[in-house]
Amino acid sequence: GFLAGAVNGLLGAGGGIIAVFSLSKIYKERMLEKNEVFAHALCVMLPLSLLSCIIYFAKGSFSTEGFGVFLLPAVLGGLVGGFLLDKLRTSFLKKLFSFLVIVSGIILIVR
């Protein structure tokens, strides 16, 4: 949890990747479904992201420019993803998650 929070605070994102990985290892013995692990990670990351946002705002690093452009689509995407979580196969979610992590890493390296 500490590492997820630290990465989220330093980079503004990425703590969720650590949370999903850690929770999947912790709950492996309890046979939690992968979609339940993703849901747990979201519940952990929401307060961490909110705290990071407050700290960025307090330090003057928070900009509202472009905020509105992302807010509504992000909320709609979150709703759609939440509804689809139980309907998608775990193997597909694992592949999608891996793909997004790899693509994000490549983009960060290239830029």
C-alpha atoms as a PDB file:
ATOM      1  CA  GLY A   1       0.000   0.000   0.000  1.00  0.00           C
ATOM      2  CA  PHE A   2       2.823   2.387   0.858  1.00  0.00           C
ATOM      3  CA  LEU A   3       4.548   1.777  -2.460  1.00  0.00           C
ATOM      4  CA  ALA A   4       1.298   2.285  -4.404  1.00  0.00           C
ATOM      5  CA  GLY A   5       0.696   5.564  -2.577  1.00  0.00           C
ATOM      6  CA  ALA A   6       4.276   6.757  -3.072  1.00  0.00           C
ATOM      7  CA  VAL A   7       4.238   6.013  -6.810  1.00  0.00           C
ATOM      8  CA  ASN A   8       0.854   7.672  -7.171  1.00  0.00           C
ATOM      9  CA  GLY A   9       2.098  10.745  -5.320  1.00  0.00           C
ATOM     10  CA  LEU A  10       5.343  10.986  -7.282  1.00  0.00           C
ATOM     11  CA  LEU A  11       3.955  10.324 -10.734  1.00  0.00           C
ATOM     12  CA  GLY A  12       0.328  11.352 -10.375  1.00  0.00           C
ATOM     13  CA  ALA A  13      -0.679   7.868 -11.506  1.00  0.00           C
ATOM     14  CA  GLY A  14       0.647   4.339 -11.630  1.00  0.00           C
ATOM     15  CA  GLY A  15      -0.122   3.330  -8.089  1.00  0.00           C
ATOM     16  CA  GLY A  16      -3.069   1.309  -9.362  1.00  0.00           C
ATOM     17  CA  ILE A  17      -0.735  -0.987 -11.276  1.00  0.00           C
ATOM     18  CA  ILE A  18       1.112  -1.771  -8.059  1.00  0.00           C
ATOM     19  CA  ALA A  19      -2.183  -2.169  -6.188  1.00  0.00           C
ATOM     20  CA  VAL A  20      -3.556  -4.659  -8.735  1.00  0.00           C
ATOM     21  CA  PHE A  21      -0.310  -6.658  -8.720  1.00  0.00           C
ATOM     22  CA  SER A  22      -0.089  -6.700  -4.923  1.00  0.00           C
ATOM     23  CA  LEU A  23      -3.743  -7.499  -4.336  1.00  0.00           C
ATOM     24  CA  SER A  24      -3.659 -10.318  -6.885  1.00  0.00           C
ATOM     25  CA  LYS A  25      -0.746 -11.879  -4.979  1.00  0.00           C
ATOM     26  CA  ILE A  26      -2.333 -11.338  -1.560  1.00  0.00           C
ATOM     27  CA  TYR A  27      -5.747 -12.686  -2.549  1.00  0.00           C
ATOM     28  CA  LYS A  28      -4.401 -15.574  -4.622  1.00  0.00           C
ATOM     29  CA  GLU A  29      -5.004 -17.994  -1.758  1.00  0.00           C
ATOM     30  CA  ARG A  30      -8.563 -16.705  -1.232  1.00  0.00           C
ATOM     31  CA  MET A  31      -9.422 -17.400  -4.885  1.00  0.00           C
ATOM     32  CA  LEU A  32     -10.704 -13.903  -5.542  1.00  0.00           C
ATOM     33  CA  GLU A  33     -11.666 -13.372  -9.158  1.00  0.00           C
ATOM     34  CA  LYS A  34      -9.483 -10.975 -11.126  1.00  0.00           C
ATOM     35  CA  ASN A  35     -12.365  -8.545 -11.599  1.00  0.00           C
ATOM     36  CA  GLU A  36     -12.772  -8.420  -7.807  1.00  0.00           C
ATOM     37  CA  VAL A  37      -9.066  -7.602  -7.496  1.00  0.00           C
ATOM     38  CA  PHE A  38      -9.515  -4.710  -9.958  1.00  0.00           C
ATOM     39  CA  ALA A  39     -12.508  -3.479  -7.944  1.00  0.00           C
ATOM     40  CA  HIS A  40     -10.507  -3.651  -4.688  1.00  0.00           C
ATOM     41  CA  ALA A  41      -7.634  -1.758  -6.321  1.00  0.00           C
ATOM     42  CA  LEU A  42      -9.999   0.989  -7.443  1.00  0.00           C
ATOM     43  CA  CYS A  43     -11.344   1.341  -3.910  1.00  0.00           C
ATOM     44  CA  VAL A  44      -7.777   1.666  -2.615  1.00  0.00           C
ATOM     45  CA  MET A  45      -6.674   4.090  -5.322  1.00  0.00           C
ATOM     46  CA  LEU A  46      -9.622   6.474  -5.068  1.00  0.00           C
ATOM     47  CA  PRO A  47      -8.616   7.967  -1.706  1.00  0.00           C
ATOM     48  CA  LEU A  48      -4.930   7.884  -2.672  1.00  0.00           C
ATOM     49  CA  SER A  49      -5.628   9.739  -5.912  1.00  0.00           C
ATOM     50  CA  LEU A  50      -7.793  12.263  -4.102  1.00  0.00           C
ATOM     51  CA  LEU A  51      -5.046  12.863  -1.549  1.00  0.00           C
ATOM     52  CA  SER A  52      -2.437  13.257  -4.307  1.00  0.00           C
ATOM     53  CA  CYS A  53      -4.730  15.718  -6.087  1.00  0.00           C
ATOM     54  CA  ILE A  54      -5.145  17.786  -2.902  1.00  0.00           C
ATOM     55  CA  ILE A  55      -1.371  17.877  -2.345  1.00  0.00           C
ATOM     56  CA  TYR A  56      -0.696  18.852  -5.984  1.00  0.00           C
ATOM     57  CA  PHE A  57      -3.328  21.607  -5.656  1.00  0.00           C
ATOM     58  CA  ALA A  58      -1.843  22.869  -2.363  1.00  0.00           C
ATOM     59  CA  LYS A  59       1.623  23.083  -3.953  1.00  0.00           C
ATOM     60  CA  GLY A  60       0.295  25.004  -6.949  1.00  0.00           C
ATOM     61  CA  SER A  61       0.957  22.171  -9.409  1.00  0.00           C
ATOM     62  CA  PHE A  62      -2.698  21.584 -10.228  1.00  0.00           C
ATOM     63  CA  SER A  63      -4.056  23.166 -13.377  1.00  0.00           C
ATOM     64  CA  THR A  64      -7.706  23.277 -14.332  1.00  0.00           C
ATOM     65  CA  GLU A  65      -6.787  23.797 -17.988  1.00  0.00           C
ATOM     66  CA  GLY A  66      -8.181  20.870 -19.924  1.00  0.00           C
ATOM     67  CA  PHE A  67      -9.807  19.483 -16.787  1.00  0.00           C
ATOM     68  CA  GLY A  68     -13.330  19.723 -18.151  1.00  0.00           C
ATOM     69  CA  VAL A  69     -12.377  18.013 -21.395  1.00  0.00           C
ATOM     70  CA  PHE A  70     -11.373  14.858 -19.487  1.00  0.00           C
ATOM     71  CA  LEU A  71     -13.827  14.878 -16.581  1.00  0.00           C
ATOM     72  CA  LEU A  72     -17.071  13.892 -18.312  1.00  0.00           C
ATOM     73  CA  PRO A  73     -15.534  11.226 -20.588  1.00  0.00           C
ATOM     74  CA  ALA A  74     -13.615   9.797 -17.601  1.00  0.00           C
ATOM     75  CA  VAL A  75     -16.768   9.572 -15.494  1.00  0.00           C
ATOM     76  CA  LEU A  76     -18.694   7.979 -18.362  1.00  0.00           C
ATOM     77  CA  GLY A  77     -15.842   5.566 -19.029  1.00  0.00           C
ATOM     78  CA  GLY A  78     -15.720   4.639 -15.356  1.00  0.00           C
ATOM     79  CA  LEU A  79     -19.442   3.908 -15.349  1.00  0.00           C
ATOM     80  CA  VAL A  80     -19.220   1.782 -18.497  1.00  0.00           C
ATOM     81  CA  GLY A  81     -16.164  -0.063 -17.159  1.00  0.00           C
ATOM     82  CA  GLY A  82     -17.891  -0.717 -13.851  1.00  0.00           C
ATOM     83  CA  PHE A  83     -20.912  -2.215 -15.587  1.00  0.00           C
ATOM     84  CA  LEU A  84     -18.768  -4.308 -17.939  1.00  0.00           C
ATOM     85  CA  LEU A  85     -16.442  -5.651 -15.229  1.00  0.00           C
ATOM     86  CA  ASP A  86     -18.627  -8.645 -14.348  1.00  0.00           C
ATOM     87  CA  LYS A  87     -19.492  -9.323 -17.981  1.00  0.00           C
ATOM     88  CA  LEU A  88     -15.951  -9.639 -19.346  1.00  0.00           C
ATOM     89  CA  ARG A  89     -13.831 -12.747 -19.016  1.00  0.00           C
ATOM     90  CA  THR A  90     -10.929 -12.585 -16.613  1.00  0.00           C
ATOM     91  CA  SER A  91      -8.472 -13.670 -19.309  1.00  0.00           C
ATOM     92  CA  PHE A  92      -9.535 -10.716 -21.483  1.00  0.00           C
ATOM     93  CA  LEU A  93      -9.177  -8.274 -18.557  1.00  0.00           C
ATOM     94  CA  LYS A  94      -5.669  -9.571 -17.824  1.00  0.00           C
ATOM     95  CA  LYS A  95      -4.629  -9.120 -21.459  1.00  0.00           C
ATOM     96  CA  LEU A  96      -6.217  -5.660 -21.675  1.00  0.00           C
ATOM     97  CA  PHE A  97      -4.526  -4.566 -18.447  1.00  0.00           C
ATOM     98  CA  SER A  98      -1.138  -5.891 -19.618  1.00  0.00           C
ATOM     99  CA  PHE A  99      -1.525  -4.201 -22.993  1.00  0.00           C
ATOM    100  CA  LEU A 100      -2.345  -0.837 -21.406  1.00  0.00           C
ATOM    101  CA  VAL A 101       0.604  -1.071 -19.007  1.00  0.00           C
ATOM    102  CA  ILE A 102       3.016  -1.891 -21.850  1.00  0.00           C
ATOM    103  CA  VAL A 103       1.685   0.845 -24.151  1.00  0.00           C
ATOM    104  CA  SER A 104       1.795   3.402 -21.322  1.00  0.00           C
ATOM    105  CA  GLY A 105       5.386   2.441 -20.524  1.00  0.00           C
ATOM    106  CA  ILE A 106       6.450   2.745 -24.156  1.00  0.00           C
ATOM    107  CA  ILE A 107       4.805   6.156 -24.468  1.00  0.00           C
ATOM    108  CA  LEU A 108       6.548   7.377 -21.304  1.00  0.00           C
ATOM    109  CA  ILE A 109       9.930   6.158 -22.578  1.00  0.00           C
ATOM    110  CA  VAL A 110       9.486   7.683 -26.041  1.00  0.00           C
ATOM    111  CA  ARG A 111       8.387  11.077 -24.743  1.00  0.00           C
END
